[in-house]
Amino acid sequence: MEMICKTEQVDERDARSFDTPKGEVIVTQRDGMFYAYLNHCPHLGVSLEFQENQFMDMDREFLICANHGALFQVEDGLCVFGPCKGQALTKIDIEVHSDGGVFFRA
């Protein structure tokens, strides 16, 4: 299994990107659960952030595309506001191990 990151690298209600052989992956945490998506806007095909690791809206409720303000639900990547409403970020299946590692699911 290939590790993406350690759980302590991603704070609650935050998100961080990690370079992997499968591309740049965003890992986010909500209520102790971890979610991962490709860092690729379904509308413009660009990275979501302007500044490094700035993926959350001001209320830390949604992932946001800084290019056009689209908002994506943390739990499933679905766009709920913006020009790509109804589309979704590409989900990455992950496993969180007891040692704190976040891995690509085999």
PDB file of N, CA and C in Angstrom:
ATOM      1  N   MET A   1       0.829  -1.194   0.000  1.00  0.00           N
ATOM      2  CA  MET A   1       0.000   0.000   0.000  1.00  0.00           C
ATOM      3  C   MET A   1       0.866   1.247   0.000  1.00  0.00           C
ATOM      4  N   GLU A   2       0.366   2.251  -0.660  1.00  0.00           N
ATOM      5  CA  GLU A   2       1.110   3.507  -0.765  1.00  0.00           C
ATOM      6  C   GLU A   2       0.521   4.550   0.166  1.00  0.00           C
ATOM      7  N   MET A   3       1.351   5.122   1.033  1.00  0.00           N
ATOM      8  CA  MET A   3       0.887   6.123   1.980  1.00  0.00           C
ATOM      9  C   MET A   3       0.812   7.492   1.308  1.00  0.00           C
ATOM     10  N   ILE A   4      -0.264   8.229   1.612  1.00  0.00           N
ATOM     11  CA  ILE A   4      -0.436   9.595   1.131  1.00  0.00           C
ATOM     12  C   ILE A   4       0.127  10.570   2.155  1.00  0.00           C
ATOM     13  N   CYS A   5      -0.244  10.372   3.437  1.00  0.00           N
ATOM     14  CA  CYS A   5       0.184  11.276   4.496  1.00  0.00           C
ATOM     15  C   CYS A   5      -0.069  10.626   5.845  1.00  0.00           C
ATOM     16  N   LYS A   6       0.219  11.350   6.899  1.00  0.00           N
ATOM     17  CA  LYS A   6      -0.106  10.937   8.267  1.00  0.00           C
ATOM     18  C   LYS A   6      -1.309  11.767   8.721  1.00  0.00           C
ATOM     19  N   THR A   7      -2.134  11.205   9.574  1.00  0.00           N
ATOM     20  CA  THR A   7      -3.336  11.902  10.023  1.00  0.00           C
ATOM     21  C   THR A   7      -3.011  13.221  10.718  1.00  0.00           C
ATOM     22  N   GLU A   8      -1.894  13.282  11.430  1.00  0.00           N
ATOM     23  CA  GLU A   8      -1.561  14.514  12.157  1.00  0.00           C
ATOM     24  C   GLU A   8      -1.192  15.674  11.224  1.00  0.00           C
ATOM     25  N   GLN A   9      -1.033  15.406   9.944  1.00  0.00           N
ATOM     26  CA  GLN A   9      -0.724  16.466   8.983  1.00  0.00           C
ATOM     27  C   GLN A   9      -1.966  17.233   8.529  1.00  0.00           C
ATOM     28  N   VAL A  10      -3.161  16.712   8.862  1.00  0.00           N
ATOM     29  CA  VAL A  10      -4.408  17.333   8.423  1.00  0.00           C
ATOM     30  C   VAL A  10      -5.288  17.577   9.642  1.00  0.00           C
ATOM     31  N   ASP A  11      -5.427  18.837  10.019  1.00  0.00           N
ATOM     32  CA  ASP A  11      -6.240  19.194  11.180  1.00  0.00           C
ATOM     33  C   ASP A  11      -7.722  19.058  10.882  1.00  0.00           C
ATOM     34  N   GLU A  12      -8.503  18.938  11.941  1.00  0.00           N
ATOM     35  CA  GLU A  12      -9.964  18.914  11.837  1.00  0.00           C
ATOM     36  C   GLU A  12     -10.452  20.175  11.128  1.00  0.00           C
ATOM     37  N   ARG A  13     -11.403  19.993  10.188  1.00  0.00           N
ATOM     38  CA  ARG A  13     -12.000  21.075   9.388  1.00  0.00           C
ATOM     39  C   ARG A  13     -10.943  21.840   8.578  1.00  0.00           C
ATOM     40  N   ASP A  14      -9.951  21.094   8.114  1.00  0.00           N
ATOM     41  CA  ASP A  14      -8.911  21.672   7.270  1.00  0.00           C
ATOM     42  C   ASP A  14      -8.634  20.704   6.128  1.00  0.00           C
ATOM     43  N   ALA A  15      -7.779  21.103   5.212  1.00  0.00           N
ATOM     44  CA  ALA A  15      -7.407  20.263   4.076  1.00  0.00           C
ATOM     45  C   ALA A  15      -5.974  20.595   3.672  1.00  0.00           C
ATOM     46  N   ARG A  16      -5.265  19.592   3.181  1.00  0.00           N
ATOM     47  CA  ARG A  16      -3.885  19.753   2.717  1.00  0.00           C
ATOM     48  C   ARG A  16      -3.717  18.943   1.438  1.00  0.00           C
ATOM     49  N   SER A  17      -2.805  19.404   0.586  1.00  0.00           N
ATOM     50  CA  SER A  17      -2.527  18.649  -0.640  1.00  0.00           C
ATOM     51  C   SER A  17      -1.201  17.922  -0.503  1.00  0.00           C
ATOM     52  N   PHE A  18      -1.128  16.794  -1.203  1.00  0.00           N
ATOM     53  CA  PHE A  18       0.065  15.957  -1.180  1.00  0.00           C
ATOM     54  C   PHE A  18       0.332  15.472  -2.601  1.00  0.00           C
ATOM     55  N   ASP A  19       1.590  15.575  -3.026  1.00  0.00           N
ATOM     56  CA  ASP A  19       1.989  15.053  -4.331  1.00  0.00           C
ATOM     57  C   ASP A  19       2.141  13.550  -4.231  1.00  0.00           C
ATOM     58  N   THR A  20       1.495  12.843  -5.129  1.00  0.00           N
ATOM     59  CA  THR A  20       1.575  11.386  -5.157  1.00  0.00           C
ATOM     60  C   THR A  20       1.809  10.950  -6.602  1.00  0.00           C
ATOM     61  N   PRO A  21       2.207   9.708  -6.814  1.00  0.00           N
ATOM     62  CA  PRO A  21       2.336   9.213  -8.190  1.00  0.00           C
ATOM     63  C   PRO A  21       1.017   9.242  -8.964  1.00  0.00           C
ATOM     64  N   LYS A  22      -0.115   9.315  -8.244  1.00  0.00           N
ATOM     65  CA  LYS A  22      -1.428   9.365  -8.899  1.00  0.00           C
ATOM     66  C   LYS A  22      -1.887  10.796  -9.127  1.00  0.00           C
ATOM     67  N   GLY A  23      -1.046  11.776  -8.805  1.00  0.00           N
ATOM     68  CA  GLY A  23      -1.394  13.183  -8.955  1.00  0.00           C
ATOM     69  C   GLY A  23      -1.458  13.872  -7.612  1.00  0.00           C
ATOM     70  N   GLU A  24      -1.804  15.147  -7.654  1.00  0.00           N
ATOM     71  CA  GLU A  24      -1.916  15.911  -6.410  1.00  0.00           C
ATOM     72  C   GLU A  24      -3.251  15.581  -5.754  1.00  0.00           C
ATOM     73  N   VAL A  25      -3.184  15.154  -4.499  1.00  0.00           N
ATOM     74  CA  VAL A  25      -4.359  14.695  -3.765  1.00  0.00           C
ATOM     75  C   VAL A  25      -4.623  15.626  -2.590  1.00  0.00           C
ATOM     76  N   ILE A  26      -5.892  16.023  -2.423  1.00  0.00           N
ATOM     77  CA  ILE A  26      -6.330  16.805  -1.271  1.00  0.00           C
ATOM     78  C   ILE A  26      -6.858  15.828  -0.229  1.00  0.00           C
ATOM     79  N   VAL A  27      -6.351  15.928   0.997  1.00  0.00           N
ATOM     80  CA  VAL A  27      -6.883  15.151   2.115  1.00  0.00           C
ATOM     81  C   VAL A  27      -7.504  16.145   3.086  1.00  0.00           C
ATOM     82  N   THR A  28      -8.734  15.859   3.502  1.00  0.00           N
ATOM     83  CA  THR A  28      -9.446  16.734   4.426  1.00  0.00           C
ATOM     84  C   THR A  28     -10.023  15.903   5.563  1.00  0.00           C
ATOM     85  N   GLN A  29     -10.301  16.566   6.688  1.00  0.00           N
ATOM     86  CA  GLN A  29     -10.828  15.878   7.858  1.00  0.00           C
ATOM     87  C   GLN A  29     -12.083  16.595   8.349  1.00  0.00           C
ATOM     88  N   ARG A  30     -13.109  15.800   8.642  1.00  0.00           N
ATOM     89  CA  ARG A  30     -14.355  16.333   9.194  1.00  0.00           C
ATOM     90  C   ARG A  30     -14.865  15.338  10.226  1.00  0.00           C
ATOM     91  N   ASP A  31     -15.043  15.805  11.458  1.00  0.00           N
ATOM     92  CA  ASP A  31     -15.568  14.980  12.541  1.00  0.00           C
ATOM     93  C   ASP A  31     -14.775  13.683  12.708  1.00  0.00           C
ATOM     94  N   GLY A  32     -13.462  13.784  12.572  1.00  0.00           N
ATOM     95  CA  GLY A  32     -12.584  12.631  12.767  1.00  0.00           C
ATOM     96  C   GLY A  32     -12.499  11.683  11.587  1.00  0.00           C
ATOM     97  N   MET A  33     -13.254  11.948  10.528  1.00  0.00           N
ATOM     98  CA  MET A  33     -13.204  11.120   9.320  1.00  0.00           C
ATOM     99  C   MET A  33     -12.339  11.825   8.276  1.00  0.00           C
ATOM    100  N   PHE A  34     -11.640  11.043   7.474  1.00  0.00           N
ATOM    101  CA  PHE A  34     -10.761  11.591   6.440  1.00  0.00           C
ATOM    102  C   PHE A  34     -11.346  11.295   5.058  1.00  0.00           C
ATOM    103  N   TYR A  35     -11.195  12.273   4.165  1.00  0.00           N
ATOM    104  CA  TYR A  35     -11.681  12.170   2.794  1.00  0.00           C
ATOM    105  C   TYR A  35     -10.565  12.658   1.871  1.00  0.00           C
ATOM    106  N   ALA A  36     -10.523  12.129   0.652  1.00  0.00           N
ATOM    107  CA  ALA A  36      -9.473  12.517  -0.288  1.00  0.00           C
ATOM    108  C   ALA A  36     -10.054  12.689  -1.694  1.00  0.00           C
ATOM    109  N   TYR A  37      -9.507  13.693  -2.394  1.00  0.00           N
ATOM    110  CA  TYR A  37      -9.946  14.023  -3.761  1.00  0.00           C
ATOM    111  C   TYR A  37      -8.749  14.450  -4.585  1.00  0.00           C
ATOM    112  N   LEU A  38      -8.831  14.261  -5.892  1.00  0.00           N
ATOM    113  CA  LEU A  38      -7.825  14.843  -6.773  1.00  0.00           C
ATOM    114  C   LEU A  38      -7.956  16.362  -6.701  1.00  0.00           C
ATOM    115  N   ASN A  39      -6.851  17.069  -6.721  1.00  0.00           N
ATOM    116  CA  ASN A  39      -6.860  18.529  -6.704  1.00  0.00           C
ATOM    117  C   ASN A  39      -7.082  19.011  -8.137  1.00  0.00           C
ATOM    118  N   HIS A  40      -8.345  18.908  -8.565  1.00  0.00           N
ATOM    119  CA  HIS A  40      -8.700  19.176  -9.955  1.00  0.00           C
ATOM    120  C   HIS A  40     -10.155  19.635 -10.001  1.00  0.00           C
ATOM    121  N   CYS A  41     -10.381  20.895 -10.340  1.00  0.00           N
ATOM    122  CA  CYS A  41     -11.732  21.446 -10.428  1.00  0.00           C
ATOM    123  C   CYS A  41     -12.464  20.827 -11.625  1.00  0.00           C
ATOM    124  N   PRO A  42     -13.678  20.303 -11.423  1.00  0.00           N
ATOM    125  CA  PRO A  42     -14.408  19.716 -12.553  1.00  0.00           C
ATOM    126  C   PRO A  42     -14.878  20.750 -13.572  1.00  0.00           C
ATOM    127  N   HIS A  43     -14.884  22.024 -13.211  1.00  0.00           N
ATOM    128  CA  HIS A  43     -15.341  23.074 -14.130  1.00  0.00           C
ATOM    129  C   HIS A  43     -14.208  23.596 -15.004  1.00  0.00           C
ATOM    130  N   LEU A  44     -13.095  23.978 -14.367  1.00  0.00           N
ATOM    131  CA  LEU A  44     -11.992  24.590 -15.115  1.00  0.00           C
ATOM    132  C   LEU A  44     -10.808  23.658 -15.363  1.00  0.00           C
ATOM    133  N   GLY A  45     -10.771  22.529 -14.644  1.00  0.00           N
ATOM    134  CA  GLY A  45      -9.667  21.602 -14.830  1.00  0.00           C
ATOM    135  C   GLY A  45      -8.351  22.079 -14.239  1.00  0.00           C
ATOM    136  N   VAL A  46      -8.419  22.983 -13.254  1.00  0.00           N
ATOM    137  CA  VAL A  46      -7.216  23.522 -12.616  1.00  0.00           C
ATOM    138  C   VAL A  46      -7.218  23.150 -11.137  1.00  0.00           C
ATOM    139  N   SER A  47      -6.098  23.397 -10.455  1.00  0.00           N
ATOM    140  CA  SER A  47      -6.033  23.189  -9.012  1.00  0.00           C
ATOM    141  C   SER A  47      -7.030  24.111  -8.319  1.00  0.00           C
ATOM    142  N   LEU A  48      -7.539  23.677  -7.177  1.00  0.00           N
ATOM    143  CA  LEU A  48      -8.558  24.452  -6.473  1.00  0.00           C
ATOM    144  C   LEU A  48      -8.013  25.712  -5.807  1.00  0.00           C
ATOM    145  N   GLU A  49      -6.780  25.684  -5.338  1.00  0.00           N
ATOM    146  CA  GLU A  49      -6.279  26.790  -4.515  1.00  0.00           C
ATOM    147  C   GLU A  49      -5.400  27.761  -5.292  1.00  0.00           C
ATOM    148  N   PHE A  50      -5.437  29.051  -4.873  1.00  0.00           N
ATOM    149  CA  PHE A  50      -4.479  30.051  -5.358  1.00  0.00           C
ATOM    150  C   PHE A  50      -3.231  30.020  -4.491  1.00  0.00           C
ATOM    151  N   GLN A  51      -3.440  29.928  -3.174  1.00  0.00           N
ATOM    152  CA  GLN A  51      -2.331  29.865  -2.224  1.00  0.00           C
ATOM    153  C   GLN A  51      -2.215  28.440  -1.713  1.00  0.00           C
ATOM    154  N   GLU A  52      -1.004  28.012  -1.466  1.00  0.00           N
ATOM    155  CA  GLU A  52      -0.743  26.641  -1.053  1.00  0.00           C
ATOM    156  C   GLU A  52      -1.604  26.247   0.143  1.00  0.00           C
ATOM    157  N   ASN A  53      -2.287  25.115   0.005  1.00  0.00           N
ATOM    158  CA  ASN A  53      -3.095  24.509   1.059  1.00  0.00           C
ATOM    159  C   ASN A  53      -4.217  25.397   1.576  1.00  0.00           C
ATOM    160  N   GLN A  54      -4.760  26.254   0.735  1.00  0.00           N
ATOM    161  CA  GLN A  54      -5.925  27.071   1.082  1.00  0.00           C
ATOM    162  C   GLN A  54      -7.140  26.500   0.352  1.00  0.00           C
ATOM    163  N   PHE A  55      -7.725  25.471   0.928  1.00  0.00           N
ATOM    164  CA  PHE A  55      -8.821  24.749   0.277  1.00  0.00           C
ATOM    165  C   PHE A  55     -10.180  24.969   0.915  1.00  0.00           C
ATOM    166  N   MET A  56     -10.233  25.528   2.118  1.00  0.00           N
ATOM    167  CA  MET A  56     -11.499  25.645   2.837  1.00  0.00           C
ATOM    168  C   MET A  56     -12.072  27.052   2.703  1.00  0.00           C
ATOM    169  N   ASP A  57     -13.415  27.138   2.700  1.00  0.00           N
ATOM    170  CA  ASP A  57     -14.058  28.446   2.698  1.00  0.00           C
ATOM    171  C   ASP A  57     -13.844  29.110   4.066  1.00  0.00           C
ATOM    172  N   MET A  58     -14.280  30.352   4.209  1.00  0.00           N
ATOM    173  CA  MET A  58     -14.014  31.107   5.437  1.00  0.00           C
ATOM    174  C   MET A  58     -14.620  30.457   6.678  1.00  0.00           C
ATOM    175  N   ASP A  59     -15.757  29.774   6.527  1.00  0.00           N
ATOM    176  CA  ASP A  59     -16.403  29.111   7.661  1.00  0.00           C
ATOM    177  C   ASP A  59     -15.870  27.698   7.899  1.00  0.00           C
ATOM    178  N   ARG A  60     -14.952  27.255   7.039  1.00  0.00           N
ATOM    179  CA  ARG A  60     -14.353  25.928   7.118  1.00  0.00           C
ATOM    180  C   ARG A  60     -15.409  24.815   7.011  1.00  0.00           C
ATOM    181  N   GLU A  61     -16.434  25.121   6.221  1.00  0.00           N
ATOM    182  CA  GLU A  61     -17.529  24.183   6.010  1.00  0.00           C
ATOM    183  C   GLU A  61     -17.383  23.416   4.699  1.00  0.00           C
ATOM    184  N   PHE A  62     -16.894  24.090   3.648  1.00  0.00           N
ATOM    185  CA  PHE A  62     -16.798  23.508   2.309  1.00  0.00           C
ATOM    186  C   PHE A  62     -15.384  23.647   1.756  1.00  0.00           C
ATOM    187  N   LEU A  63     -15.024  22.731   0.855  1.00  0.00           N
ATOM    188  CA  LEU A  63     -13.854  22.927   0.008  1.00  0.00           C
ATOM    189  C   LEU A  63     -14.263  23.969  -1.030  1.00  0.00           C
ATOM    190  N   ILE A  64     -13.354  24.858  -1.389  1.00  0.00           N
ATOM    191  CA  ILE A  64     -13.694  25.933  -2.316  1.00  0.00           C
ATOM    192  C   ILE A  64     -12.694  25.995  -3.457  1.00  0.00           C
ATOM    193  N   CYS A  65     -13.188  26.256  -4.651  1.00  0.00           N
ATOM    194  CA  CYS A  65     -12.314  26.530  -5.785  1.00  0.00           C
ATOM    195  C   CYS A  65     -12.051  28.027  -5.797  1.00  0.00           C
ATOM    196  N   ALA A  66     -10.828  28.422  -5.565  1.00  0.00           N
ATOM    197  CA  ALA A  66     -10.473  29.842  -5.500  1.00  0.00           C
ATOM    198  C   ALA A  66     -10.600  30.519  -6.859  1.00  0.00           C
ATOM    199  N   ASN A  67     -10.649  29.753  -7.935  1.00  0.00           N
ATOM    200  CA  ASN A  67     -10.744  30.337  -9.268  1.00  0.00           C
ATOM    201  C   ASN A  67     -12.118  30.912  -9.579  1.00  0.00           C
ATOM    202  N   HIS A  68     -13.182  30.276  -9.079  1.00  0.00           N
ATOM    203  CA  HIS A  68     -14.512  30.782  -9.389  1.00  0.00           C
ATOM    204  C   HIS A  68     -15.509  30.619  -8.242  1.00  0.00           C
ATOM    205  N   GLY A  69     -15.051  30.251  -7.058  1.00  0.00           N
ATOM    206  CA  GLY A  69     -15.896  30.230  -5.871  1.00  0.00           C
ATOM    207  C   GLY A  69     -16.817  29.037  -5.719  1.00  0.00           C
ATOM    208  N   ALA A  70     -16.645  28.007  -6.513  1.00  0.00           N
ATOM    209  CA  ALA A  70     -17.489  26.820  -6.355  1.00  0.00           C
ATOM    210  C   ALA A  70     -17.241  26.200  -4.984  1.00  0.00           C
ATOM    211  N   LEU A  71     -18.315  25.705  -4.359  1.00  0.00           N
ATOM    212  CA  LEU A  71     -18.224  25.076  -3.044  1.00  0.00           C
ATOM    213  C   LEU A  71     -18.526  23.589  -3.172  1.00  0.00           C
ATOM    214  N   PHE A  72     -17.690  22.777  -2.536  1.00  0.00           N
ATOM    215  CA  PHE A  72     -17.808  21.322  -2.602  1.00  0.00           C
ATOM    216  C   PHE A  72     -17.974  20.761  -1.192  1.00  0.00           C
ATOM    217  N   GLN A  73     -18.923  19.849  -1.023  1.00  0.00           N
ATOM    218  CA  GLN A  73     -19.114  19.191   0.270  1.00  0.00           C
ATOM    219  C   GLN A  73     -17.891  18.357   0.602  1.00  0.00           C
ATOM    220  N   VAL A  74     -17.485  18.395   1.856  1.00  0.00           N
ATOM    221  CA  VAL A  74     -16.300  17.652   2.295  1.00  0.00           C
ATOM    222  C   VAL A  74     -16.541  16.147   2.194  1.00  0.00           C
ATOM    223  N   GLU A  75     -17.725  15.698   2.576  1.00  0.00           N
ATOM    224  CA  GLU A  75     -17.980  14.262   2.698  1.00  0.00           C
ATOM    225  C   GLU A  75     -18.066  13.507   1.372  1.00  0.00           C
ATOM    226  N   ASP A  76     -18.473  14.191   0.291  1.00  0.00           N
ATOM    227  CA  ASP A  76     -18.614  13.467  -0.979  1.00  0.00           C
ATOM    228  C   ASP A  76     -18.084  14.230  -2.196  1.00  0.00           C
ATOM    229  N   GLY A  77     -17.577  15.452  -2.000  1.00  0.00           N
ATOM    230  CA  GLY A  77     -17.000  16.222  -3.096  1.00  0.00           C
ATOM    231  C   GLY A  77     -18.014  16.851  -4.037  1.00  0.00           C
ATOM    232  N   LEU A  78     -19.308  16.744  -3.738  1.00  0.00           N
ATOM    233  CA  LEU A  78     -20.354  17.275  -4.603  1.00  0.00           C
ATOM    234  C   LEU A  78     -20.341  18.800  -4.577  1.00  0.00           C
ATOM    235  N   CYS A  79     -20.409  19.419  -5.758  1.00  0.00           N
ATOM    236  CA  CYS A  79     -20.489  20.875  -5.858  1.00  0.00           C
ATOM    237  C   CYS A  79     -21.918  21.306  -5.552  1.00  0.00           C
ATOM    238  N   VAL A  80     -22.064  22.181  -4.544  1.00  0.00           N
ATOM    239  CA  VAL A  80     -23.382  22.647  -4.133  1.00  0.00           C
ATOM    240  C   VAL A  80     -23.611  24.113  -4.490  1.00  0.00           C
ATOM    241  N   PHE A  81     -22.561  24.786  -4.996  1.00  0.00           N
ATOM    242  CA  PHE A  81     -22.681  26.182  -5.401  1.00  0.00           C
ATOM    243  C   PHE A  81     -21.622  26.486  -6.435  1.00  0.00           C
ATOM    244  N   GLY A  82     -22.014  27.196  -7.474  1.00  0.00           N
ATOM    245  CA  GLY A  82     -21.063  27.617  -8.488  1.00  0.00           C
ATOM    246  C   GLY A  82     -21.376  27.047  -9.848  1.00  0.00           C
ATOM    247  N   PRO A  83     -20.533  27.338 -10.831  1.00  0.00           N
ATOM    248  CA  PRO A  83     -20.815  26.951 -12.218  1.00  0.00           C
ATOM    249  C   PRO A  83     -20.773  25.449 -12.465  1.00  0.00           C
ATOM    250  N   CYS A  84     -20.216  24.688 -11.548  1.00  0.00           N
ATOM    251  CA  CYS A  84     -20.179  23.229 -11.744  1.00  0.00           C
ATOM    252  C   CYS A  84     -21.134  22.520 -10.792  1.00  0.00           C
ATOM    253  N   LYS A  85     -22.178  23.238 -10.318  1.00  0.00           N
ATOM    254  CA  LYS A  85     -23.155  22.663  -9.395  1.00  0.00           C
ATOM    255  C   LYS A  85     -23.682  21.340  -9.939  1.00  0.00           C
ATOM    256  N   GLY A  86     -23.687  20.337  -9.063  1.00  0.00           N
ATOM    257  CA  GLY A  86     -24.135  19.008  -9.457  1.00  0.00           C
ATOM    258  C   GLY A  86     -23.004  18.096  -9.883  1.00  0.00           C
ATOM    259  N   GLN A  87     -21.860  18.664 -10.255  1.00  0.00           N
ATOM    260  CA  GLN A  87     -20.685  17.859 -10.567  1.00  0.00           C
ATOM    261  C   GLN A  87     -19.935  17.599  -9.262  1.00  0.00           C
ATOM    262  N   ALA A  88     -18.864  16.825  -9.316  1.00  0.00           N
ATOM    263  CA  ALA A  88     -18.144  16.493  -8.082  1.00  0.00           C
ATOM    264  C   ALA A  88     -16.650  16.387  -8.339  1.00  0.00           C
ATOM    265  N   LEU A  89     -15.915  16.590  -7.258  1.00  0.00           N
ATOM    266  CA  LEU A  89     -14.481  16.326  -7.289  1.00  0.00           C
ATOM    267  C   LEU A  89     -14.271  14.826  -7.457  1.00  0.00           C
ATOM    268  N   THR A  90     -13.126  14.428  -7.998  1.00  0.00           N
ATOM    269  CA  THR A  90     -12.820  13.013  -8.169  1.00  0.00           C
ATOM    270  C   THR A  90     -12.362  12.437  -6.839  1.00  0.00           C
ATOM    271  N   LYS A  91     -13.180  11.530  -6.294  1.00  0.00           N
ATOM    272  CA  LYS A  91     -12.905  10.935  -4.987  1.00  0.00           C
ATOM    273  C   LYS A  91     -11.783   9.910  -5.096  1.00  0.00           C
ATOM    274  N   ILE A  92     -10.933   9.898  -4.077  1.00  0.00           N
ATOM    275  CA  ILE A  92      -9.871   8.908  -3.955  1.00  0.00           C
ATOM    276  C   ILE A  92     -10.230   7.994  -2.792  1.00  0.00           C
ATOM    277  N   ASP A  93     -10.303   6.707  -3.032  1.00  0.00           N
ATOM    278  CA  ASP A  93     -10.587   5.758  -1.958  1.00  0.00           C
ATOM    279  C   ASP A  93      -9.356   5.599  -1.086  1.00  0.00           C
ATOM    280  N   ILE A  94      -9.540   5.812   0.219  1.00  0.00           N
ATOM    281  CA  ILE A  94      -8.426   5.752   1.161  1.00  0.00           C
ATOM    282  C   ILE A  94      -8.758   4.831   2.330  1.00  0.00           C
ATOM    283  N   GLU A  95      -7.714   4.449   3.040  1.00  0.00           N
ATOM    284  CA  GLU A  95      -7.820   3.722   4.305  1.00  0.00           C
ATOM    285  C   GLU A  95      -6.969   4.457   5.319  1.00  0.00           C
ATOM    286  N   VAL A  96      -7.496   4.600   6.530  1.00  0.00           N
ATOM    287  CA  VAL A  96      -6.738   5.195   7.619  1.00  0.00           C
ATOM    288  C   VAL A  96      -6.355   4.065   8.567  1.00  0.00           C
ATOM    289  N   HIS A  97      -5.072   3.865   8.747  1.00  0.00           N
ATOM    290  CA  HIS A  97      -4.580   2.776   9.589  1.00  0.00           C
ATOM    291  C   HIS A  97      -4.383   3.234  11.026  1.00  0.00           C
ATOM    292  N   SER A  98      -4.340   2.290  11.922  1.00  0.00           N
ATOM    293  CA  SER A  98      -4.204   2.584  13.344  1.00  0.00           C
ATOM    294  C   SER A  98      -2.893   3.286  13.681  1.00  0.00           C
ATOM    295  N   ASP A  99      -1.890   3.173  12.804  1.00  0.00           N
ATOM    296  CA  ASP A  99      -0.618   3.851  13.035  1.00  0.00           C
ATOM    297  C   ASP A  99      -0.662   5.323  12.606  1.00  0.00           C
ATOM    298  N   GLY A 100      -1.839   5.787  12.114  1.00  0.00           N
ATOM    299  CA  GLY A 100      -1.995   7.174  11.701  1.00  0.00           C
ATOM    300  C   GLY A 100      -1.684   7.418  10.240  1.00  0.00           C
ATOM    301  N   GLY A 101      -1.442   6.391   9.478  1.00  0.00           N
ATOM    302  CA  GLY A 101      -1.175   6.554   8.052  1.00  0.00           C
ATOM    303  C   GLY A 101      -2.450   6.597   7.235  1.00  0.00           C
ATOM    304  N   VAL A 102      -2.476   7.500   6.251  1.00  0.00           N
ATOM    305  CA  VAL A 102      -3.585   7.562   5.287  1.00  0.00           C
ATOM    306  C   VAL A 102      -3.047   6.987   3.987  1.00  0.00           C
ATOM    307  N   PHE A 103      -3.670   5.902   3.532  1.00  0.00           N
ATOM    308  CA  PHE A 103      -3.181   5.141   2.384  1.00  0.00           C
ATOM    309  C   PHE A 103      -4.214   5.096   1.268  1.00  0.00           C
ATOM    310  N   PHE A 104      -3.718   4.984   0.026  1.00  0.00           N
ATOM    311  CA  PHE A 104      -4.603   4.647  -1.083  1.00  0.00           C
ATOM    312  C   PHE A 104      -5.185   3.267  -0.800  1.00  0.00           C
ATOM    313  N   ARG A 105      -6.494   3.102  -1.013  1.00  0.00           N
ATOM    314  CA  ARG A 105      -7.115   1.795  -0.863  1.00  0.00           C
ATOM    315  C   ARG A 105      -6.718   0.927  -2.047  1.00  0.00           C
ATOM    316  N   ALA A 106      -6.331  -0.267  -1.746  1.00  0.00           N
ATOM    317  CA  ALA A 106      -5.872  -1.200  -2.797  1.00  0.00           C
ATOM    318  C   ALA A 106      -7.017  -1.679  -3.657  1.00  0.00           C
TER     319      ALA A 106
END
